[in-house]
Amino acid sequence: MSIAQRQHIRFSLDIPAIRYSKFGERQETVLQQISIGGCLLDWDESLFTGETFRLEVGLPNGNWLPLKCKVLYKFENNGIGAKFVDISQFEQKLVGKIITNALEKEGLPVQVDPFAQPPKFVDSGEKPKPQLTDQRRLRDELLEKIMSSEA
């Protein structure tokens, strides 16, 4: 999924969770990234694109939030991108609390609204802005020019 397609802000946090296979087998996993719309979880070669599975994520009060997920994409030996399926607004609020709690534990600012739309980096019809690497290259060239000047 491209950045322009994202509907929710994604947070890079390590959140423990439990994934259940289609046979009911329980497997501990870690959510590497999470938003109120989905997550990126540890690699598992037994999951396939389009497959659904059950995920339980720990709530700050010690209970577990059960979520139905669908595999959208796989990063070979790296992670699995999943979308939360049939998630209610109440469940989304609970995911927001999980995110806020994880941010607090990490000592990170919690003023971020998990329901906010992520910024759009390229709007359709507009000329694309220079990529970060282009900006970095331009800055490095400018610094090199300034530092090499004998003025």
Protein backbone atom coordinates (compact mmCIF):
# COMPACT_ATOMS: atom_id res chain seq x y z
CA MET A 1 0.00 0.00 0.00
CA SER A 2 1.43 3.38 -0.93
CA ILE A 3 1.61 6.27 1.51
CA ALA A 4 -0.98 8.17 -0.56
CA GLN A 5 -3.50 5.34 -0.04
CA ARG A 6 -3.24 5.19 3.76
CA GLN A 7 -6.44 5.99 5.61
CA HIS A 8 -5.05 6.00 9.15
CA ILE A 9 -1.85 7.09 10.87
CA ARG A 10 0.49 4.15 11.37
CA PHE A 11 2.57 3.80 14.54
CA SER A 12 5.82 1.82 14.73
CA LEU A 13 5.46 0.13 18.11
CA ASP A 14 6.22 -3.37 19.32
CA ILE A 15 2.91 -4.62 20.71
CA PRO A 16 2.58 -8.23 21.84
CA ALA A 17 -0.39 -10.12 20.44
CA ILE A 18 -1.72 -13.63 19.94
CA ARG A 19 -2.61 -14.96 16.51
CA TYR A 20 -4.87 -17.96 16.05
CA SER A 21 -4.50 -20.21 13.02
CA LYS A 22 -7.50 -21.52 11.12
CA PHE A 23 -7.06 -24.71 13.17
CA GLY A 24 -7.26 -22.80 16.48
CA GLU A 25 -3.54 -23.03 17.22
CA ARG A 26 -2.34 -20.17 19.40
CA GLN A 27 0.86 -18.38 18.36
CA GLU A 28 2.47 -15.41 20.11
CA THR A 29 3.45 -12.62 17.75
CA VAL A 30 4.49 -8.96 17.82
CA LEU A 31 2.72 -6.16 15.99
CA GLN A 32 5.57 -4.10 14.53
CA GLN A 33 3.26 -1.38 13.27
CA ILE A 34 -0.37 -0.61 14.05
CA SER A 35 -3.14 1.78 13.07
CA ILE A 36 -6.86 1.69 13.80
CA GLY A 37 -7.28 0.03 10.40
CA GLY A 38 -4.65 -2.72 10.48
CA CYS A 39 -1.20 -3.85 11.48
CA LEU A 40 2.12 -5.30 10.41
CA LEU A 41 2.89 -8.46 12.32
CA ASP A 42 5.74 -10.95 12.51
CA TRP A 43 6.44 -13.13 9.48
CA ASP A 44 4.65 -16.47 9.26
CA GLU A 45 5.00 -18.57 6.13
CA SER A 46 1.73 -20.41 6.87
CA LEU A 47 -0.35 -17.26 6.19
CA PHE A 48 -1.31 -16.40 2.61
CA THR A 49 -2.55 -13.21 0.95
CA GLY A 50 -6.34 -12.98 1.23
CA GLU A 51 -6.53 -15.36 4.20
CA THR A 52 -8.36 -14.29 7.37
CA PHE A 53 -7.30 -15.01 10.93
CA ARG A 54 -8.12 -14.07 14.50
CA LEU A 55 -5.81 -11.78 16.46
CA GLU A 56 -5.97 -10.84 20.13
CA VAL A 57 -4.21 -7.69 21.31
CA GLY A 58 -3.66 -6.88 24.97
CA LEU A 59 -5.63 -3.94 26.36
CA PRO A 60 -4.15 -1.61 29.02
CA ASN A 61 -6.56 -3.10 31.62
CA GLY A 62 -5.19 -6.63 31.08
CA ASN A 63 -8.07 -7.93 28.93
CA TRP A 64 -7.69 -8.96 25.29
CA LEU A 65 -9.28 -7.35 22.24
CA PRO A 66 -10.23 -10.00 19.63
CA LEU A 67 -9.95 -8.78 16.05
CA LYS A 68 -10.66 -10.43 12.71
CA CYS A 69 -7.86 -9.73 10.22
CA LYS A 70 -7.24 -10.29 6.53
CA VAL A 71 -3.75 -10.64 5.04
CA LEU A 72 -3.27 -7.90 2.44
CA TYR A 73 0.42 -8.37 1.65
CA LYS A 74 3.53 -10.27 2.73
CA PHE A 75 7.10 -9.01 3.00
CA GLU A 76 9.15 -12.18 2.51
CA ASN A 77 10.74 -13.25 5.82
CA ASN A 78 9.98 -9.79 7.27
CA GLY A 79 6.33 -9.21 8.08
CA ILE A 80 2.69 -9.55 7.14
CA GLY A 81 0.40 -6.59 6.49
CA ALA A 82 -3.13 -7.21 7.71
CA LYS A 83 -6.34 -5.22 7.67
CA PHE A 84 -8.81 -5.33 10.55
CA VAL A 85 -12.06 -6.70 9.10
CA ASP A 86 -15.55 -5.82 10.38
CA ILE A 87 -14.08 -3.60 13.11
CA SER A 88 -16.60 -1.48 14.97
CA GLN A 89 -16.04 2.12 16.02
CA PHE A 90 -15.86 0.93 19.65
CA GLU A 91 -13.13 -1.56 18.73
CA GLN A 92 -11.28 1.18 16.85
CA LYS A 93 -11.39 3.31 20.02
CA LEU A 94 -9.93 0.37 21.96
CA VAL A 95 -7.13 0.04 19.38
CA GLY A 96 -6.55 3.78 19.88
CA LYS A 97 -6.18 3.15 23.63
CA ILE A 98 -3.71 0.34 22.93
CA ILE A 99 -1.67 2.73 20.75
CA THR A 100 -1.80 5.52 23.35
CA ASN A 101 -0.77 3.14 26.12
CA ALA A 102 2.16 1.81 24.06
CA LEU A 103 3.29 5.38 23.26
CA GLU A 104 3.19 6.26 26.98
CA LYS A 105 5.22 3.15 27.88
CA GLU A 106 7.83 4.11 25.28
CA GLY A 107 7.98 7.66 26.66
CA LEU A 108 6.75 9.08 23.36
CA PRO A 109 4.31 11.98 22.91
CA VAL A 110 0.70 10.85 23.09
CA GLN A 111 -0.90 13.95 21.57
CA VAL A 112 -1.24 12.09 18.26
CA ASP A 113 -4.80 11.25 17.25
CA PRO A 114 -4.94 7.67 15.88
CA PHE A 115 -8.17 8.62 14.04
CA ALA A 116 -6.53 11.50 12.14
CA GLN A 117 -5.92 11.14 8.43
CA PRO A 118 -2.23 10.76 7.55
CA PRO A 119 -0.75 13.68 5.62
CA LYS A 120 -0.89 13.32 1.87
CA PHE A 121 2.53 13.68 0.33
CA VAL A 122 1.36 13.71 -3.28
CA ASP A 123 -2.07 15.04 -4.21
CA SER A 124 -3.51 13.94 -7.51
CA GLY A 125 -3.14 16.70 -10.08
CA GLU A 126 -0.20 18.31 -8.30
CA LYS A 127 3.42 18.00 -9.27
CA PRO A 128 5.17 15.56 -6.90
CA LYS A 129 7.39 17.18 -4.30
CA PRO A 130 11.06 16.23 -4.26
CA GLN A 131 11.72 12.97 -2.49
CA LEU A 132 13.45 13.00 0.89
CA THR A 133 16.59 11.55 -0.67
CA ASP A 134 16.59 14.37 -3.25
CA GLN A 135 16.25 16.98 -0.50
CA ARG A 136 19.03 15.32 1.48
CA ARG A 137 21.27 15.20 -1.60
CA LEU A 138 20.63 18.88 -2.35
CA ARG A 139 21.40 19.84 1.26
CA ASP A 140 24.60 17.79 1.22
CA GLU A 141 25.70 19.41 -2.06
CA LEU A 142 25.00 22.86 -0.63
CA LEU A 143 26.92 22.11 2.56
CA GLU A 144 29.83 20.72 0.57
CA LYS A 145 29.90 23.87 -1.58
CA ILE A 146 29.81 26.11 1.52
CA MET A 147 32.51 24.11 3.31
CA SER A 148 34.83 23.97 0.30
CA SER A 149 34.62 27.72 -0.37
CA GLU A 150 37.73 29.66 0.53
CA ALA A 151 35.94 32.97 0.89
